[in-house]
Amino acid sequence: MSIRLTVLSVMEEVAAEQEKKLAPLSDGSVLAESGLDSLCFAIIVARLEDRLGVDPFTMSDEIYFPVTLADFVALYENVAAA
């Protein structure tokens, strides 16, 4: 499964588990408007670390918070490619 599909799958899983209504997602979707809260994103990051073996938020000295879904996926793709 590609990183993008893994990210989308985990987001959908967490939304369902946390009983959140996930907005339709596209590359330009703003994460803050996705229907997920900060707890959901913490769970998503933890699950992605388990599934992908990387946590881009701890692997870099530079602090960067993605704004869109495309930014979030690219963050994982860039770390996985390094």
N, C-alpha and C. Protein backbone atom coordinates (compact mmCIF):
# COMPACT_ATOMS: atom_id res chain seq x y z
N MET A 1 0.85 -1.17 0.00
CA MET A 1 0.00 0.00 0.00
C MET A 1 0.91 1.24 0.00
N SER A 2 0.56 2.23 -0.79
CA SER A 2 1.35 3.45 -0.86
C SER A 2 1.23 4.25 0.44
N ILE A 3 2.14 5.16 0.64
CA ILE A 3 2.10 6.01 1.83
C ILE A 3 0.81 6.82 1.84
N ARG A 4 0.45 7.36 0.69
CA ARG A 4 -0.79 8.16 0.61
C ARG A 4 -2.02 7.33 1.03
N LEU A 5 -2.12 6.12 0.51
CA LEU A 5 -3.26 5.27 0.85
C LEU A 5 -3.23 4.87 2.32
N THR A 6 -2.03 4.65 2.86
CA THR A 6 -1.90 4.32 4.28
C THR A 6 -2.37 5.49 5.14
N VAL A 7 -1.95 6.70 4.80
CA VAL A 7 -2.36 7.89 5.55
C VAL A 7 -3.88 8.03 5.50
N LEU A 8 -4.46 7.93 4.33
CA LEU A 8 -5.92 8.06 4.19
C LEU A 8 -6.65 6.98 4.98
N SER A 9 -6.16 5.77 4.91
CA SER A 9 -6.77 4.65 5.62
C SER A 9 -6.75 4.88 7.13
N VAL A 10 -5.60 5.31 7.64
CA VAL A 10 -5.48 5.56 9.08
C VAL A 10 -6.39 6.71 9.50
N MET A 11 -6.46 7.75 8.69
CA MET A 11 -7.34 8.87 9.02
C MET A 11 -8.80 8.41 9.09
N GLU A 12 -9.21 7.59 8.16
CA GLU A 12 -10.59 7.07 8.16
C GLU A 12 -10.85 6.18 9.37
N GLU A 13 -9.88 5.32 9.70
CA GLU A 13 -10.02 4.44 10.87
C GLU A 13 -10.20 5.25 12.15
N VAL A 14 -9.33 6.22 12.34
CA VAL A 14 -9.36 7.03 13.56
C VAL A 14 -10.65 7.84 13.63
N ALA A 15 -11.08 8.40 12.53
CA ALA A 15 -12.34 9.15 12.52
C ALA A 15 -13.50 8.26 12.96
N ALA A 16 -13.55 7.06 12.44
CA ALA A 16 -14.62 6.14 12.81
C ALA A 16 -14.54 5.76 14.29
N GLU A 17 -13.34 5.45 14.75
CA GLU A 17 -13.17 5.05 16.15
C GLU A 17 -13.51 6.18 17.12
N GLN A 18 -13.17 7.40 16.75
CA GLN A 18 -13.40 8.56 17.62
C GLN A 18 -14.76 9.21 17.36
N GLU A 19 -15.55 8.57 16.48
CA GLU A 19 -16.88 9.03 16.14
C GLU A 19 -16.88 10.48 15.64
N LYS A 20 -15.95 10.75 14.73
CA LYS A 20 -15.85 12.07 14.10
C LYS A 20 -16.31 11.95 12.66
N LYS A 21 -16.97 12.97 12.17
CA LYS A 21 -17.40 13.00 10.77
C LYS A 21 -16.25 13.57 9.96
N LEU A 22 -15.62 12.74 9.17
CA LEU A 22 -14.49 13.13 8.35
C LEU A 22 -14.99 13.82 7.09
N ALA A 23 -14.49 15.02 6.86
CA ALA A 23 -14.86 15.76 5.64
C ALA A 23 -14.28 15.05 4.43
N PRO A 24 -14.86 15.23 3.25
CA PRO A 24 -14.27 14.65 2.04
C PRO A 24 -12.84 15.16 1.90
N LEU A 25 -11.92 14.27 1.60
CA LEU A 25 -10.50 14.62 1.54
C LEU A 25 -9.98 14.70 0.11
N SER A 26 -9.22 15.74 -0.13
CA SER A 26 -8.48 15.89 -1.39
C SER A 26 -7.14 16.50 -1.02
N ASP A 27 -6.24 16.60 -1.98
CA ASP A 27 -4.92 17.15 -1.68
C ASP A 27 -4.98 18.54 -1.05
N GLY A 28 -5.92 19.35 -1.46
CA GLY A 28 -6.03 20.70 -0.94
C GLY A 28 -6.81 20.84 0.35
N SER A 29 -7.32 19.72 0.87
CA SER A 29 -8.09 19.77 2.12
C SER A 29 -7.23 20.31 3.25
N VAL A 30 -7.76 21.28 3.97
CA VAL A 30 -7.08 21.85 5.14
C VAL A 30 -7.31 20.91 6.32
N LEU A 31 -6.23 20.47 6.94
CA LEU A 31 -6.34 19.49 8.02
C LEU A 31 -7.20 19.99 9.18
N ALA A 32 -7.12 21.27 9.48
CA ALA A 32 -7.90 21.85 10.58
C ALA A 32 -9.40 21.83 10.29
N GLU A 33 -9.76 21.63 9.03
CA GLU A 33 -11.17 21.58 8.64
C GLU A 33 -11.62 20.17 8.27
N SER A 34 -10.82 19.18 8.62
CA SER A 34 -11.09 17.79 8.24
C SER A 34 -12.14 17.11 9.10
N GLY A 35 -12.46 17.72 10.25
CA GLY A 35 -13.38 17.09 11.19
C GLY A 35 -12.66 16.34 12.29
N LEU A 36 -11.33 16.28 12.21
CA LEU A 36 -10.52 15.60 13.22
C LEU A 36 -9.95 16.62 14.19
N ASP A 37 -9.82 16.23 15.45
CA ASP A 37 -9.26 17.13 16.45
C ASP A 37 -7.81 16.74 16.75
N SER A 38 -7.19 17.44 17.69
CA SER A 38 -5.77 17.20 17.99
C SER A 38 -5.53 15.80 18.53
N LEU A 39 -6.45 15.26 19.29
CA LEU A 39 -6.30 13.89 19.78
C LEU A 39 -6.28 12.92 18.61
N CYS A 40 -7.16 13.12 17.65
CA CYS A 40 -7.20 12.26 16.46
C CYS A 40 -5.86 12.30 15.73
N PHE A 41 -5.31 13.50 15.57
CA PHE A 41 -4.04 13.61 14.86
C PHE A 41 -2.90 12.97 15.64
N ALA A 42 -2.95 13.04 16.96
CA ALA A 42 -1.93 12.36 17.77
C ALA A 42 -2.01 10.84 17.56
N ILE A 43 -3.21 10.32 17.52
CA ILE A 43 -3.40 8.89 17.28
C ILE A 43 -2.94 8.53 15.87
N ILE A 44 -3.27 9.36 14.90
CA ILE A 44 -2.87 9.12 13.51
C ILE A 44 -1.35 9.07 13.39
N VAL A 45 -0.66 10.02 13.99
CA VAL A 45 0.80 10.05 13.92
C VAL A 45 1.40 8.81 14.57
N ALA A 46 0.85 8.41 15.71
CA ALA A 46 1.35 7.20 16.39
C ALA A 46 1.12 5.95 15.53
N ARG A 47 -0.04 5.84 14.93
CA ARG A 47 -0.32 4.67 14.07
C ARG A 47 0.53 4.66 12.82
N LEU A 48 0.74 5.84 12.24
CA LEU A 48 1.58 5.90 11.05
C LEU A 48 3.02 5.52 11.39
N GLU A 49 3.48 5.89 12.57
CA GLU A 49 4.82 5.48 12.98
C GLU A 49 4.89 3.95 13.09
N ASP A 50 3.86 3.34 13.65
CA ASP A 50 3.82 1.87 13.74
C ASP A 50 3.80 1.23 12.36
N ARG A 51 2.99 1.75 11.47
CA ARG A 51 2.82 1.13 10.14
C ARG A 51 3.93 1.46 9.16
N LEU A 52 4.45 2.68 9.22
CA LEU A 52 5.46 3.10 8.25
C LEU A 52 6.87 3.08 8.81
N GLY A 53 6.97 3.01 10.13
CA GLY A 53 8.29 2.96 10.76
C GLY A 53 9.00 4.30 10.82
N VAL A 54 8.28 5.40 10.60
CA VAL A 54 8.87 6.74 10.67
C VAL A 54 7.93 7.70 11.38
N ASP A 55 8.53 8.68 12.05
CA ASP A 55 7.78 9.80 12.63
C ASP A 55 8.49 11.07 12.19
N PRO A 56 7.99 11.72 11.15
CA PRO A 56 8.68 12.90 10.62
C PRO A 56 8.74 14.06 11.61
N PHE A 57 7.90 14.03 12.63
CA PHE A 57 7.88 15.13 13.59
C PHE A 57 9.03 15.03 14.59
N THR A 58 9.61 13.86 14.76
CA THR A 58 10.75 13.70 15.67
C THR A 58 12.06 13.47 14.92
N MET A 59 11.98 13.28 13.63
CA MET A 59 13.17 12.97 12.84
C MET A 59 13.86 14.21 12.27
N SER A 60 13.29 15.37 12.50
CA SER A 60 13.83 16.59 11.93
C SER A 60 14.03 17.63 13.02
N ASP A 61 15.06 18.43 12.87
CA ASP A 61 15.30 19.53 13.80
C ASP A 61 14.39 20.72 13.48
N GLU A 62 13.90 20.74 12.27
CA GLU A 62 13.04 21.82 11.81
C GLU A 62 11.59 21.51 12.18
N ILE A 63 10.93 22.48 12.80
CA ILE A 63 9.52 22.28 13.16
C ILE A 63 8.66 22.76 12.01
N TYR A 64 7.84 21.85 11.50
CA TYR A 64 6.97 22.15 10.37
C TYR A 64 5.64 21.45 10.61
N PHE A 65 4.58 22.20 10.59
CA PHE A 65 3.26 21.62 10.75
C PHE A 65 2.52 21.71 9.41
N PRO A 66 2.17 20.58 8.84
CA PRO A 66 1.48 20.59 7.55
C PRO A 66 0.11 21.23 7.67
N VAL A 67 -0.29 21.90 6.60
CA VAL A 67 -1.58 22.59 6.59
C VAL A 67 -2.61 21.78 5.81
N THR A 68 -2.22 21.22 4.69
CA THR A 68 -3.15 20.47 3.84
C THR A 68 -2.85 18.98 3.88
N LEU A 69 -3.77 18.22 3.36
CA LEU A 69 -3.56 16.78 3.27
C LEU A 69 -2.32 16.48 2.41
N ALA A 70 -2.15 17.21 1.32
CA ALA A 70 -0.98 16.99 0.46
C ALA A 70 0.31 17.26 1.24
N ASP A 71 0.33 18.29 2.07
CA ASP A 71 1.50 18.58 2.90
C ASP A 71 1.78 17.43 3.86
N PHE A 72 0.72 16.91 4.48
CA PHE A 72 0.85 15.83 5.45
C PHE A 72 1.41 14.57 4.80
N VAL A 73 0.85 14.22 3.65
CA VAL A 73 1.32 13.02 2.93
C VAL A 73 2.77 13.23 2.48
N ALA A 74 3.09 14.39 1.94
CA ALA A 74 4.45 14.68 1.47
C ALA A 74 5.46 14.60 2.61
N LEU A 75 5.06 15.01 3.79
CA LEU A 75 5.94 14.93 4.95
C LEU A 75 6.38 13.49 5.19
N TYR A 76 5.44 12.56 5.12
CA TYR A 76 5.75 11.15 5.31
C TYR A 76 6.53 10.58 4.11
N GLU A 77 6.14 10.97 2.92
CA GLU A 77 6.85 10.47 1.72
C GLU A 77 8.30 10.94 1.72
N ASN A 78 8.55 12.17 2.11
CA ASN A 78 9.92 12.69 2.11
C ASN A 78 10.80 12.00 3.14
N VAL A 79 10.25 11.72 4.31
CA VAL A 79 11.03 11.04 5.36
C VAL A 79 11.27 9.58 4.97
N ALA A 80 10.27 8.94 4.39
CA ALA A 80 10.42 7.54 4.00
C ALA A 80 11.45 7.39 2.89
N ALA A 81 11.56 8.40 2.02
CA ALA A 81 12.49 8.33 0.90
C ALA A 81 13.93 8.63 1.32
N ALA A 82 14.08 9.25 2.48
CA ALA A 82 15.43 9.65 2.93
C ALA A 82 16.23 8.48 3.46
